[in-house]
Amino acid sequence: AHSIAPMAFNGTTNVPEGEMVPLLARYGLAFGPDTNAFTSREVVGYQLSLPTTEEQVVDTGLFLMRGTAAEMVFDPESLERERGIILGEERYRNTPIRRFF
C-alpha cells in the first residue's frame, strides 16, 4: 500500500502520466496544496480539494478520483522515479514514535 500512494497522480488508463497536473491547474488546483495521497496501517487515501462546486469541476474531480482508485498505471519507470519517496516514507514510518501511533 505504501508504494501505491505516491503513484496516485502519475497517470491512469484515461489520463496519461504528465497530464493530470495540467488538467488540475485548469481548474485552479495546485499539485501539492490541493492534492494528497496518504497511507496508514489500514487506509490508502486520495484527496482533491476542489475550489468550487461548479458541475464541470466536480465532474472532472470525480473522473480523476475514479481513475486513481480503479485505473492507476504502474509504469516501471514511474515507479522507479518514486522509489526515493517510497523509501523515505518507509524510514519515517519505522521510527519509534510513528510505530507508537
PDB file of N, CA and C in Angstrom:
ATOM      1  N   ALA A   1       0.819  -1.202   0.000  1.00  0.00           N
ATOM      2  CA  ALA A   1       0.000   0.000   0.000  1.00  0.00           C
ATOM      3  C   ALA A   1       0.856   1.255   0.000  1.00  0.00           C
ATOM      4  N   HIS A   2       2.005   1.199   0.692  1.00  0.00           N
ATOM      5  CA  HIS A   2       2.830   2.400   0.795  1.00  0.00           C
ATOM      6  C   HIS A   2       3.490   2.766  -0.532  1.00  0.00           C
ATOM      7  N   SER A   3       3.599   1.821  -1.433  1.00  0.00           N
ATOM      8  CA  SER A   3       4.158   2.152  -2.745  1.00  0.00           C
ATOM      9  C   SER A   3       3.079   2.606  -3.722  1.00  0.00           C
ATOM     10  N   ILE A   4       1.820   2.419  -3.371  1.00  0.00           N
ATOM     11  CA  ILE A   4       0.726   2.825  -4.251  1.00  0.00           C
ATOM     12  C   ILE A   4       0.460   4.328  -4.152  1.00  0.00           C
ATOM     13  N   ALA A   5       0.430   4.875  -2.959  1.00  0.00           N
ATOM     14  CA  ALA A   5       0.053   6.281  -2.772  1.00  0.00           C
ATOM     15  C   ALA A   5       0.892   7.254  -3.595  1.00  0.00           C
ATOM     16  N   PRO A   6       2.226   7.125  -3.640  1.00  0.00           N
ATOM     17  CA  PRO A   6       2.992   8.079  -4.453  1.00  0.00           C
ATOM     18  C   PRO A   6       2.685   8.006  -5.946  1.00  0.00           C
ATOM     19  N   MET A   7       2.090   6.906  -6.385  1.00  0.00           N
ATOM     20  CA  MET A   7       1.759   6.742  -7.799  1.00  0.00           C
ATOM     21  C   MET A   7       0.398   7.344  -8.154  1.00  0.00           C
ATOM     22  N   ALA A   8      -0.321   7.828  -7.164  1.00  0.00           N
ATOM     23  CA  ALA A   8      -1.710   8.257  -7.352  1.00  0.00           C
ATOM     24  C   ALA A   8      -1.900   9.272  -8.468  1.00  0.00           C
ATOM     25  N   PHE A   9      -0.974  10.177  -8.640  1.00  0.00           N
ATOM     26  CA  PHE A   9      -1.155  11.245  -9.616  1.00  0.00           C
ATOM     27  C   PHE A   9      -0.210  11.094 -10.809  1.00  0.00           C
ATOM     28  N   ASN A  10       0.294   9.862 -11.024  1.00  0.00           N
ATOM     29  CA  ASN A  10       1.232   9.607 -12.118  1.00  0.00           C
ATOM     30  C   ASN A  10       0.592   8.987 -13.347  1.00  0.00           C
ATOM     31  N   GLY A  11      -0.700   8.995 -13.433  1.00  0.00           N
ATOM     32  CA  GLY A  11      -1.348   8.517 -14.643  1.00  0.00           C
ATOM     33  C   GLY A  11      -2.313   7.380 -14.405  1.00  0.00           C
ATOM     34  N   THR A  12      -3.336   7.367 -15.251  1.00  0.00           N
ATOM     35  CA  THR A  12      -4.344   6.311 -15.237  1.00  0.00           C
ATOM     36  C   THR A  12      -4.539   5.848 -16.678  1.00  0.00           C
ATOM     37  N   THR A  13      -5.415   4.886 -16.866  1.00  0.00           N
ATOM     38  CA  THR A  13      -5.658   4.423 -18.233  1.00  0.00           C
ATOM     39  C   THR A  13      -6.266   5.516 -19.108  1.00  0.00           C
ATOM     40  N   ASN A  14      -6.942   6.498 -18.512  1.00  0.00           N
ATOM     41  CA  ASN A  14      -7.571   7.579 -19.281  1.00  0.00           C
ATOM     42  C   ASN A  14      -6.827   8.903 -19.231  1.00  0.00           C
ATOM     43  N   VAL A  15      -5.903   9.060 -18.297  1.00  0.00           N
ATOM     44  CA  VAL A  15      -5.132  10.295 -18.170  1.00  0.00           C
ATOM     45  C   VAL A  15      -3.656   9.903 -18.106  1.00  0.00           C
ATOM     46  N   PRO A  16      -2.936  10.064 -19.212  1.00  0.00           N
ATOM     47  CA  PRO A  16      -1.536   9.648 -19.241  1.00  0.00           C
ATOM     48  C   PRO A  16      -0.675  10.426 -18.250  1.00  0.00           C
ATOM     49  N   GLU A  17       0.457   9.818 -17.902  1.00  0.00           N
ATOM     50  CA  GLU A  17       1.401  10.466 -16.991  1.00  0.00           C
ATOM     51  C   GLU A  17       1.753  11.850 -17.529  1.00  0.00           C
ATOM     52  N   GLY A  18       1.778  12.818 -16.630  1.00  0.00           N
ATOM     53  CA  GLY A  18       2.118  14.180 -17.004  1.00  0.00           C
ATOM     54  C   GLY A  18       0.930  15.041 -17.388  1.00  0.00           C
ATOM     55  N   GLU A  19      -0.246  14.459 -17.537  1.00  0.00           N
ATOM     56  CA  GLU A  19      -1.415  15.243 -17.946  1.00  0.00           C
ATOM     57  C   GLU A  19      -2.356  15.590 -16.801  1.00  0.00           C
ATOM     58  N   MET A  20      -2.243  14.888 -15.675  1.00  0.00           N
ATOM     59  CA  MET A  20      -3.169  15.140 -14.574  1.00  0.00           C
ATOM     60  C   MET A  20      -2.927  16.511 -13.940  1.00  0.00           C
ATOM     61  N   VAL A  21      -1.682  16.864 -13.706  1.00  0.00           N
ATOM     62  CA  VAL A  21      -1.387  18.144 -13.051  1.00  0.00           C
ATOM     63  C   VAL A  21      -1.846  19.324 -13.912  1.00  0.00           C
ATOM     64  N   PRO A  22      -1.552  19.358 -15.222  1.00  0.00           N
ATOM     65  CA  PRO A  22      -2.091  20.458 -16.038  1.00  0.00           C
ATOM     66  C   PRO A  22      -3.618  20.489 -16.067  1.00  0.00           C
ATOM     67  N   LEU A  23      -4.246  19.316 -16.053  1.00  0.00           N
ATOM     68  CA  LEU A  23      -5.708  19.265 -16.017  1.00  0.00           C
ATOM     69  C   LEU A  23      -6.229  19.891 -14.725  1.00  0.00           C
ATOM     70  N   LEU A  24      -5.602  19.563 -13.608  1.00  0.00           N
ATOM     71  CA  LEU A  24      -5.992  20.163 -12.326  1.00  0.00           C
ATOM     72  C   LEU A  24      -5.776  21.672 -12.339  1.00  0.00           C
ATOM     73  N   ALA A  25      -4.673  22.110 -12.930  1.00  0.00           N
ATOM     74  CA  ALA A  25      -4.346  23.539 -12.962  1.00  0.00           C
ATOM     75  C   ALA A  25      -5.397  24.343 -13.723  1.00  0.00           C
ATOM     76  N   ARG A  26      -6.028  23.740 -14.724  1.00  0.00           N
ATOM     77  CA  ARG A  26      -7.086  24.441 -15.468  1.00  0.00           C
ATOM     78  C   ARG A  26      -8.243  24.849 -14.569  1.00  0.00           C
ATOM     79  N   TYR A  27      -8.408  24.138 -13.471  1.00  0.00           N
ATOM     80  CA  TYR A  27      -9.499  24.427 -12.536  1.00  0.00           C
ATOM     81  C   TYR A  27      -9.004  25.117 -11.273  1.00  0.00           C
ATOM     82  N   GLY A  28      -7.763  25.600 -11.305  1.00  0.00           N
ATOM     83  CA  GLY A  28      -7.236  26.362 -10.189  1.00  0.00           C
ATOM     84  C   GLY A  28      -6.618  25.542  -9.079  1.00  0.00           C
ATOM     85  N   LEU A  29      -6.391  24.260  -9.298  1.00  0.00           N
ATOM     86  CA  LEU A  29      -5.775  23.420  -8.276  1.00  0.00           C
ATOM     87  C   LEU A  29      -4.269  23.349  -8.504  1.00  0.00           C
ATOM     88  N   ALA A  30      -3.527  23.332  -7.425  1.00  0.00           N
ATOM     89  CA  ALA A  30      -2.075  23.209  -7.494  1.00  0.00           C
ATOM     90  C   ALA A  30      -1.669  21.836  -6.986  1.00  0.00           C
ATOM     91  N   PHE A  31      -0.709  21.228  -7.675  1.00  0.00           N
ATOM     92  CA  PHE A  31      -0.205  19.933  -7.230  1.00  0.00           C
ATOM     93  C   PHE A  31       0.522  20.136  -5.912  1.00  0.00           C
ATOM     94  N   GLY A  32       0.111  19.444  -4.896  1.00  0.00           N
ATOM     95  CA  GLY A  32       0.684  19.577  -3.552  1.00  0.00           C
ATOM     96  C   GLY A  32      -0.345  20.135  -2.598  1.00  0.00           C
ATOM     97  N   PRO A  33      -0.593  21.451  -2.643  1.00  0.00           N
ATOM     98  CA  PRO A  33      -1.544  22.021  -1.686  1.00  0.00           C
ATOM     99  C   PRO A  33      -2.980  21.521  -1.854  1.00  0.00           C
ATOM    100  N   ASP A  34      -3.375  21.217  -3.086  1.00  0.00           N
ATOM    101  CA  ASP A  34      -4.759  20.814  -3.345  1.00  0.00           C
ATOM    102  C   ASP A  34      -4.917  19.322  -3.640  1.00  0.00           C
ATOM    103  N   THR A  35      -3.823  18.594  -3.622  1.00  0.00           N
ATOM    104  CA  THR A  35      -3.859  17.152  -3.873  1.00  0.00           C
ATOM    105  C   THR A  35      -3.099  16.435  -2.768  1.00  0.00           C
ATOM    106  N   ASN A  36      -3.514  15.234  -2.475  1.00  0.00           N
ATOM    107  CA  ASN A  36      -2.791  14.462  -1.464  1.00  0.00           C
ATOM    108  C   ASN A  36      -3.092  12.984  -1.646  1.00  0.00           C
ATOM    109  N   ALA A  37      -2.116  12.181  -1.315  1.00  0.00           N
ATOM    110  CA  ALA A  37      -2.279  10.730  -1.226  1.00  0.00           C
ATOM    111  C   ALA A  37      -1.556  10.319   0.048  1.00  0.00           C
ATOM    112  N   PHE A  38      -2.167   9.436   0.809  1.00  0.00           N
ATOM    113  CA  PHE A  38      -1.554   9.049   2.078  1.00  0.00           C
ATOM    114  C   PHE A  38      -1.896   7.604   2.401  1.00  0.00           C
ATOM    115  N   THR A  39      -1.117   7.042   3.292  1.00  0.00           N
ATOM    116  CA  THR A  39      -1.388   5.685   3.762  1.00  0.00           C
ATOM    117  C   THR A  39      -1.296   5.649   5.278  1.00  0.00           C
ATOM    118  N   SER A  40      -2.007   4.728   5.846  1.00  0.00           N
ATOM    119  CA  SER A  40      -1.869   4.394   7.258  1.00  0.00           C
ATOM    120  C   SER A  40      -1.846   2.880   7.323  1.00  0.00           C
ATOM    121  N   ARG A  41      -1.915   2.342   8.496  1.00  0.00           N
ATOM    122  CA  ARG A  41      -1.912   0.884   8.609  1.00  0.00           C
ATOM    123  C   ARG A  41      -3.121   0.254   7.931  1.00  0.00           C
ATOM    124  N   GLU A  42      -4.223   0.987   7.879  1.00  0.00           N
ATOM    125  CA  GLU A  42      -5.470   0.403   7.382  1.00  0.00           C
ATOM    126  C   GLU A  42      -6.074   1.101   6.174  1.00  0.00           C
ATOM    127  N   VAL A  43      -5.511   2.229   5.759  1.00  0.00           N
ATOM    128  CA  VAL A  43      -6.155   3.044   4.729  1.00  0.00           C
ATOM    129  C   VAL A  43      -5.128   3.550   3.719  1.00  0.00           C
ATOM    130  N   VAL A  44      -5.524   3.563   2.458  1.00  0.00           N
ATOM    131  CA  VAL A  44      -4.833   4.330   1.429  1.00  0.00           C
ATOM    132  C   VAL A  44      -5.840   5.388   1.002  1.00  0.00           C
ATOM    133  N   GLY A  45      -5.479   6.652   1.130  1.00  0.00           N
ATOM    134  CA  GLY A  45      -6.420   7.728   0.831  1.00  0.00           C
ATOM    135  C   GLY A  45      -5.900   8.666  -0.240  1.00  0.00           C
ATOM    136  N   TYR A  46      -6.830   9.198  -1.018  1.00  0.00           N
ATOM    137  CA  TYR A  46      -6.524  10.166  -2.062  1.00  0.00           C
ATOM    138  C   TYR A  46      -7.455  11.352  -1.873  1.00  0.00           C
ATOM    139  N   GLN A  47      -6.920  12.558  -2.066  1.00  0.00           N
ATOM    140  CA  GLN A  47      -7.718  13.751  -1.793  1.00  0.00           C
ATOM    141  C   GLN A  47      -7.494  14.808  -2.864  1.00  0.00           C
ATOM    142  N   LEU A  48      -8.578  15.418  -3.297  1.00  0.00           N
ATOM    143  CA  LEU A  48      -8.547  16.621  -4.126  1.00  0.00           C
ATOM    144  C   LEU A  48      -9.371  17.673  -3.404  1.00  0.00           C
ATOM    145  N   SER A  49      -8.827  18.853  -3.237  1.00  0.00           N
ATOM    146  CA  SER A  49      -9.572  19.963  -2.640  1.00  0.00           C
ATOM    147  C   SER A  49     -10.072  20.847  -3.781  1.00  0.00           C
ATOM    148  N   LEU A  50     -11.315  20.646  -4.161  1.00  0.00           N
ATOM    149  CA  LEU A  50     -11.879  21.390  -5.283  1.00  0.00           C
ATOM    150  C   LEU A  50     -12.219  22.814  -4.858  1.00  0.00           C
ATOM    151  N   PRO A  51     -11.928  23.802  -5.713  1.00  0.00           N
ATOM    152  CA  PRO A  51     -12.140  25.198  -5.341  1.00  0.00           C
ATOM    153  C   PRO A  51     -13.586  25.660  -5.469  1.00  0.00           C
ATOM    154  N   THR A  52     -14.430  24.849  -6.096  1.00  0.00           N
ATOM    155  CA  THR A  52     -15.807  25.251  -6.349  1.00  0.00           C
ATOM    156  C   THR A  52     -16.674  24.005  -6.525  1.00  0.00           C
ATOM    157  N   THR A  53     -17.973  24.183  -6.425  1.00  0.00           N
ATOM    158  CA  THR A  53     -18.892  23.070  -6.684  1.00  0.00           C
ATOM    159  C   THR A  53     -19.468  23.143  -8.100  1.00  0.00           C
ATOM    160  N   GLU A  54     -18.847  23.943  -8.934  1.00  0.00           N
ATOM    161  CA  GLU A  54     -19.267  24.049 -10.329  1.00  0.00           C
ATOM    162  C   GLU A  54     -19.266  22.652 -10.966  1.00  0.00           C
ATOM    163  N   GLU A  55     -20.301  22.354 -11.730  1.00  0.00           N
ATOM    164  CA  GLU A  55     -20.506  20.997 -12.251  1.00  0.00           C
ATOM    165  C   GLU A  55     -19.290  20.433 -12.991  1.00  0.00           C
ATOM    166  N   GLN A  56     -18.689  21.217 -13.861  1.00  0.00           N
ATOM    167  CA  GLN A  56     -17.555  20.720 -14.643  1.00  0.00           C
ATOM    168  C   GLN A  56     -16.355  20.405 -13.742  1.00  0.00           C
ATOM    169  N   VAL A  57     -16.140  21.208 -12.721  1.00  0.00           N
ATOM    170  CA  VAL A  57     -15.033  20.976 -11.790  1.00  0.00           C
ATOM    171  C   VAL A  57     -15.276  19.697 -10.991  1.00  0.00           C
ATOM    172  N   VAL A  58     -16.484  19.533 -10.476  1.00  0.00           N
ATOM    173  CA  VAL A  58     -16.822  18.331  -9.700  1.00  0.00           C
ATOM    174  C   VAL A  58     -16.747  17.091 -10.585  1.00  0.00           C
ATOM    175  N   ASP A  59     -17.286  17.172 -11.803  1.00  0.00           N
ATOM    176  CA  ASP A  59     -17.225  16.033 -12.724  1.00  0.00           C
ATOM    177  C   ASP A  59     -15.781  15.631 -13.014  1.00  0.00           C
ATOM    178  N   THR A  60     -14.927  16.616 -13.245  1.00  0.00           N
ATOM    179  CA  THR A  60     -13.520  16.317 -13.512  1.00  0.00           C
ATOM    180  C   THR A  60     -12.856  15.713 -12.285  1.00  0.00           C
ATOM    181  N   GLY A  61     -13.142  16.264 -11.114  1.00  0.00           N
ATOM    182  CA  GLY A  61     -12.585  15.712  -9.879  1.00  0.00           C
ATOM    183  C   GLY A  61     -12.999  14.269  -9.662  1.00  0.00           C
ATOM    184  N   LEU A  62     -14.272  13.971  -9.878  1.00  0.00           N
ATOM    185  CA  LEU A  62     -14.756  12.593  -9.720  1.00  0.00           C
ATOM    186  C   LEU A  62     -14.144  11.666 -10.768  1.00  0.00           C
ATOM    187  N   PHE A  63     -14.005  12.158 -11.987  1.00  0.00           N
ATOM    188  CA  PHE A  63     -13.363  11.381 -13.050  1.00  0.00           C
ATOM    189  C   PHE A  63     -11.930  11.023 -12.656  1.00  0.00           C
ATOM    190  N   LEU A  64     -11.189  11.998 -12.132  1.00  0.00           N
ATOM    191  CA  LEU A  64      -9.803  11.750 -11.733  1.00  0.00           C
ATOM    192  C   LEU A  64      -9.712  10.807 -10.542  1.00  0.00           C
ATOM    193  N   MET A  65     -10.607  10.970  -9.572  1.00  0.00           N
ATOM    194  CA  MET A  65     -10.577  10.085  -8.403  1.00  0.00           C
ATOM    195  C   MET A  65     -10.964   8.649  -8.775  1.00  0.00           C
ATOM    196  N   ARG A  66     -11.928   8.510  -9.684  1.00  0.00           N
ATOM    197  CA  ARG A  66     -12.287   7.165 -10.144  1.00  0.00           C
ATOM    198  C   ARG A  66     -11.093   6.507 -10.818  1.00  0.00           C
ATOM    199  N   GLY A  67     -10.405   7.265 -11.648  1.00  0.00           N
ATOM    200  CA  GLY A  67      -9.219   6.732 -12.311  1.00  0.00           C
ATOM    201  C   GLY A  67      -8.133   6.363 -11.324  1.00  0.00           C
ATOM    202  N   THR A  68      -7.945   7.200 -10.322  1.00  0.00           N
ATOM    203  CA  THR A  68      -6.934   6.920  -9.309  1.00  0.00           C
ATOM    204  C   THR A  68      -7.301   5.683  -8.508  1.00  0.00           C
ATOM    205  N   ALA A  69      -8.563   5.526  -8.195  1.00  0.00           N
ATOM    206  CA  ALA A  69      -8.994   4.381  -7.389  1.00  0.00           C
ATOM    207  C   ALA A  69      -9.000   3.076  -8.168  1.00  0.00           C
ATOM    208  N   ALA A  70      -9.276   3.130  -9.468  1.00  0.00           N
ATOM    209  CA  ALA A  70      -9.502   1.878 -10.196  1.00  0.00           C
ATOM    210  C   ALA A  70      -8.648   1.680 -11.442  1.00  0.00           C
ATOM    211  N   GLU A  71      -7.966   2.727 -11.905  1.00  0.00           N
ATOM    212  CA  GLU A  71      -7.285   2.612 -13.195  1.00  0.00           C
ATOM    213  C   GLU A  71      -5.868   3.174 -13.177  1.00  0.00           C
ATOM    214  N   MET A  72      -5.200   3.133 -12.016  1.00  0.00           N
ATOM    215  CA  MET A  72      -3.831   3.623 -11.953  1.00  0.00           C
ATOM    216  C   MET A  72      -2.934   2.795 -12.857  1.00  0.00           C
ATOM    217  N   VAL A  73      -1.971   3.463 -13.467  1.00  0.00           N
ATOM    218  CA  VAL A  73      -0.984   2.785 -14.299  1.00  0.00           C
ATOM    219  C   VAL A  73       0.301   2.679 -13.484  1.00  0.00           C
ATOM    220  N   PHE A  74       0.815   1.472 -13.376  1.00  0.00           N
ATOM    221  CA  PHE A  74       2.053   1.242 -12.632  1.00  0.00           C
ATOM    222  C   PHE A  74       3.191   1.000 -13.614  1.00  0.00           C
ATOM    223  N   ASP A  75       3.591   2.068 -14.271  1.00  0.00           N
ATOM    224  CA  ASP A  75       4.692   2.017 -15.208  1.00  0.00           C
ATOM    225  C   ASP A  75       5.991   1.811 -14.431  1.00  0.00           C
ATOM    226  N   PRO A  76       6.812   0.831 -14.794  1.00  0.00           N
ATOM    227  CA  PRO A  76       8.049   0.563 -14.048  1.00  0.00           C
ATOM    228  C   PRO A  76       8.971   1.775 -13.940  1.00  0.00           C
ATOM    229  N   GLU A  77       9.051   2.590 -14.988  1.00  0.00           N
ATOM    230  CA  GLU A  77       9.907   3.778 -14.934  1.00  0.00           C
ATOM    231  C   GLU A  77       9.361   4.807 -13.947  1.00  0.00           C
ATOM    232  N   SER A  78       8.057   4.993 -13.918  1.00  0.00           N
ATOM    233  CA  SER A  78       7.444   5.917 -12.954  1.00  0.00           C
ATOM    234  C   SER A  78       7.659   5.426 -11.534  1.00  0.00           C
ATOM    235  N   LEU A  79       7.476   4.144 -11.331  1.00  0.00           N
ATOM    236  CA  LEU A  79       7.675   3.565 -10.003  1.00  0.00           C
ATOM    237  C   LEU A  79       9.121   3.751  -9.554  1.00  0.00           C
ATOM    238  N   GLU A  80      10.052   3.584 -10.458  1.00  0.00           N
ATOM    239  CA  GLU A  80      11.471   3.781 -10.126  1.00  0.00           C
ATOM    240  C   GLU A  80      11.733   5.236  -9.739  1.00  0.00           C
ATOM    241  N   ARG A  81      11.099   6.185 -10.444  1.00  0.00           N
ATOM    242  CA  ARG A  81      11.278   7.604 -10.101  1.00  0.00           C
ATOM    243  C   ARG A  81      10.725   7.918  -8.717  1.00  0.00           C
ATOM    244  N   GLU A  82       9.706   7.194  -8.280  1.00  0.00           N
ATOM    245  CA  GLU A  82       9.094   7.420  -6.968  1.00  0.00           C
ATOM    246  C   GLU A  82       9.788   6.641  -5.850  1.00  0.00           C
ATOM    247  N   ARG A  83      10.741   5.801  -6.200  1.00  0.00           N
ATOM    248  CA  ARG A  83      11.400   4.937  -5.214  1.00  0.00           C
ATOM    249  C   ARG A  83      11.939   5.707  -4.009  1.00  0.00           C
ATOM    250  N   GLY A  84      12.586   6.842  -4.234  1.00  0.00           N
ATOM    251  CA  GLY A  84      13.144   7.628  -3.136  1.00  0.00           C
ATOM    252  C   GLY A  84      12.075   8.099  -2.162  1.00  0.00           C
ATOM    253  N   ILE A  85      10.944   8.538  -2.682  1.00  0.00           N
ATOM    254  CA  ILE A  85       9.834   8.972  -1.832  1.00  0.00           C
ATOM    255  C   ILE A  85       9.311   7.793  -1.023  1.00  0.00           C
ATOM    256  N   ILE A  86       9.134   6.669  -1.689  1.00  0.00           N
ATOM    257  CA  ILE A  86       8.612   5.475  -1.020  1.00  0.00           C
ATOM    258  C   ILE A  86       9.547   5.038   0.102  1.00  0.00           C
ATOM    259  N   LEU A  87      10.845   4.970  -0.177  1.00  0.00           N
ATOM    260  CA  LEU A  87      11.811   4.540   0.841  1.00  0.00           C
ATOM    261  C   LEU A  87      11.913   5.552   1.978  1.00  0.00           C
ATOM    262  N   GLY A  88      11.857   6.849   1.650  1.00  0.00           N
ATOM    263  CA  GLY A  88      11.903   7.879   2.686  1.00  0.00           C
ATOM    264  C   GLY A  88      10.708   7.800   3.623  1.00  0.00           C
ATOM    265  N   GLU A  89       9.528   7.580   3.063  1.00  0.00           N
ATOM    266  CA  GLU A  89       8.337   7.444   3.901  1.00  0.00           C
ATOM    267  C   GLU A  89       8.410   6.191   4.759  1.00  0.00           C
ATOM    268  N   GLU A  90       8.969   5.135   4.220  1.00  0.00           N
ATOM    269  CA  GLU A  90       9.103   3.894   4.990  1.00  0.00           C
ATOM    270  C   GLU A  90      10.057   4.092   6.173  1.00  0.00           C
ATOM    271  N   ARG A  91      11.158   4.812   5.937  1.00  0.00           N
ATOM    272  CA  ARG A  91      12.092   5.102   7.043  1.00  0.00           C
ATOM    273  C   ARG A  91      11.393   5.928   8.123  1.00  0.00           C
ATOM    274  N   TYR A  92      10.633   6.941   7.713  1.00  0.00           N
ATOM    275  CA  TYR A  92       9.907   7.781   8.665  1.00  0.00           C
ATOM    276  C   TYR A  92       8.873   6.964   9.428  1.00  0.00           C
ATOM    277  N   ARG A  93       8.178   6.107   8.724  1.00  0.00           N
ATOM    278  CA  ARG A  93       7.127   5.290   9.328  1.00  0.00           C
ATOM    279  C   ARG A  93       7.689   4.311  10.361  1.00  0.00           C
ATOM    280  N   ASN A  94       8.937   3.935  10.206  1.00  0.00           N
ATOM    281  CA  ASN A  94       9.540   2.958  11.109  1.00  0.00           C
ATOM    282  C   ASN A  94      10.252   3.582  12.303  1.00  0.00           C
ATOM    283  N   THR A  95      10.013   4.850  12.586  1.00  0.00           N
ATOM    284  CA  THR A  95      10.579   5.455  13.787  1.00  0.00           C
ATOM    285  C   THR A  95       9.734   5.046  14.992  1.00  0.00           C
ATOM    286  N   PRO A  96      10.328   5.012  16.183  1.00  0.00           N
ATOM    287  CA  PRO A  96       9.570   4.574  17.366  1.00  0.00           C
ATOM    288  C   PRO A  96       8.283   5.360  17.603  1.00  0.00           C
ATOM    289  N   ILE A  97       8.309   6.670  17.435  1.00  0.00           N
ATOM    290  CA  ILE A  97       7.115   7.468  17.713  1.00  0.00           C
ATOM    291  C   ILE A  97       6.001   7.152  16.713  1.00  0.00           C
ATOM    292  N   ARG A  98       6.342   6.946  15.434  1.00  0.00           N
ATOM    293  CA  ARG A  98       5.329   6.614  14.430  1.00  0.00           C
ATOM    294  C   ARG A  98       4.745   5.224  14.666  1.00  0.00           C
ATOM    295  N   ARG A  99       5.578   4.279  15.087  1.00  0.00           N
ATOM    296  CA  ARG A  99       5.066   2.938  15.371  1.00  0.00           C
ATOM    297  C   ARG A  99       4.122   2.978  16.562  1.00  0.00           C
ATOM    298  N   PHE A 100       4.375   3.888  17.518  1.00  0.00           N
ATOM    299  CA  PHE A 100       3.518   4.019  18.692  1.00  0.00           C
ATOM    300  C   PHE A 100       2.113   4.456  18.290  1.00  0.00           C
ATOM    301  N   PHE A 101       2.041   5.425  17.364  1.00  0.00           N
ATOM    302  CA  PHE A 101       0.740   5.942  16.933  1.00  0.00           C
ATOM    303  C   PHE A 101       0.234   5.148  15.769  1.00  0.00           C
TER     304      PHE A 101
END
